[in-house]
Amino acid sequence: MAFFVKLERSVRILLVLGILIFINIIASLFNASVDLSEDRRFSLTPASIHTIQNINDNIYIRVLLDGEFPAGFKRLRQGVNDLLFQYKKRNGFISFEFENPNEGSVEEINKRRENLSKDGLVPINLQVRSGTEKNEQLIYPYAIFNYGERKIAVSLLENVPELDQEENLNNSISQLEYKFSNAIDKLLHPEKKNVLLTSANGELPTEETKAIETLLRPFYNVGRINLDSVYQIKKEADVLIVNKPTKLFSERSKFILDQYIMNGGKVIWFVDALKMSLDSLATRSEFIPEPQDLNLGDLFFKYGFRIESNMVLDMECSRIPQVIGKVGDKPQIELFSWYYFPIPAPRTNHPIVNNIDRILMDFPASIDTLKTKQVVRKIPLIVSSNYSRFQLAPAKVSFDILRYKPEPEKFNKPNLIMGLLLEGTFNSAFENRVEESMLQSLKSIQAEFKSSSSETKMIVVSDGDVLKNYYDFSTNKFSTLGYSKFEKTTYNGNKEFFLNSIEYLTNRENILEARSKQYKIRLLNQVKIDQERSFWQVLNLGLPLVILILFGIGNTYWRKNRYTKNTA
């Protein structure tokens, strides 16, 4: 009898083991997972999945993030590894490995750094604490995607100066999917889209657009178009940039712009409402700016927005220098907040502005949205802070405003729109008023007048200086976008906003939607930690011991009681 009992137990154990082995085999063949996280951090966007599935040849990824790092960078490394594992699981053509650029002999390390430098990969100096010691270490937070003879280097690290390291690392992890999918998409589709800048209406000269052209040229064909010398803007122009015009647009030029939009063309408008710059105050104590009449108001009205004749003032702003006295023969200079130069931070999670740095602006105006005949979605991208207001034109601008302490209660017009995305079907501004000469010009190129557009998009920014760079004619050098020459700092939001806008308007697979991902930081309340540290330490150390003692007492009592009953 005992033999059969033992046999039954053995069969049960073997059966359980067999089931477990079978489940493991099935799990290895059909790898599935369920993302239960609130922020969906372990799920790929549909656009990323579609891009990965289009890969039909080997993509090899070198991640230069191996070695000994602080906890935050280990988390970034783990995030990269987890994401690339998901990519590889979706498509076997993807392979990756981690490398330590600081590994090897001195000669090997120097040679490797030289090669990385040629590819434009600049290391960052990371300070690492080891006990009481603090050491410096050069790291290369990059992933290099190789596809055939083409390669793209992707920066893994987001760096918004006003955020602490933990938040920057968190943003970096949240942007990995967008960066990786975007890199793969560019490798799979090496053909460049066409971006044109308008000319002939007093737009920024080539010297002041060198920064944006330098940013665009690796991935886009960049050119200029004179609206006075063409009959139409061809469909091959994927995006048209109207960058700080200062001269009136003729009805003919407006008609060409309008018909480009009606045929599905995409436009980014960077337009000033007033003739105002800081140079206007260089030789006078005050200045009254005039409206910048460009003859575009009827187009804008028809498309669903209006740029107001005002100036936005914001307590969140950059600073300008003022002389406050002299020390000997030298002027004493101090930086003061200049409310006319807002530095808005992104306040929505739209992929164009999500997680970007502040944007440096120069006398922007507010934008109003208007009703349209067709359905046009209007999405604010750049808005002022909670402490902002506007100053209507004509109004005096002077440095006297710096003499007085700011009164926050007077900055009572929050969330003024300074950048707007419009998506939908637009009506022509020339509907029911097309001149015969316009129809003849269309006929000459075998085109027809369109009174409404197909589904398209446009972006308007009420500041023509967002894309302007400083240019030094003596050295032929130019500044980066968003550079504040007075503060000697760069607001990276100008570059990020511009590139994201172009990407959003031209991207095939809508990969930019991955930029909307946000990983929430569950930070602990440091004040509460300090106040209750002792309580939780005692609880964590003492409670398990108390439970163990109570279990021992209870178990002893139960066994004693059971033994007493059995012997009774």
Foldseek 3Di string as FASTA:
>chain_A
DVVVVVVVVVVVVVVVVVVVVVVVVVCVVPPDDDDPDPLSLLDADPLLLVLLVPDDAAKEKEFQQDDDDPPLSVVLVVLLVSVQVVSCVSPVSYDYDYHHLPDDDPVSSVVSVVVCVVVVFDWDWDWDDDPPDIDIDTGGRWMWIDDPPDIDIFHQWACFPVDDPNVRSQLSSLCVSLRVSVRSVCVVPVDAQEEEEEDPQAFDDPQFQVQVCVVRVNHHHYYYDYLVPDLADDPSHLEYEHFEGQHADDPSSLLRVLQCVQAFHEYEYAYAQWPDAPVVPVPHQKDFTDGRDHVCQLVQVQQWKGFAQKFKFAPQFFWFKDFPQDDVPHTDIDTFGDRRFHFFQWDDLDLLRHPAFTFTFHRFTFMDTGDYPWDKDKDFGTWGAQQMDIGHPRDMDGPVVRVDDDDSVVSHDGGGGFKMKIWDKTFGSCVPPDDPVSQVSCVVVPHGDRGMHHTYMYMYGRGSQQSTWDADPVVRDIDHGQQDPRVRDRGRRSVSSVVSVVCCSDPDSNSSNSSSRGDDDPDDDVVVCVVCVVVVVCCVVPVVVVVVVVVVVVVVVVVVVVVVVVVD
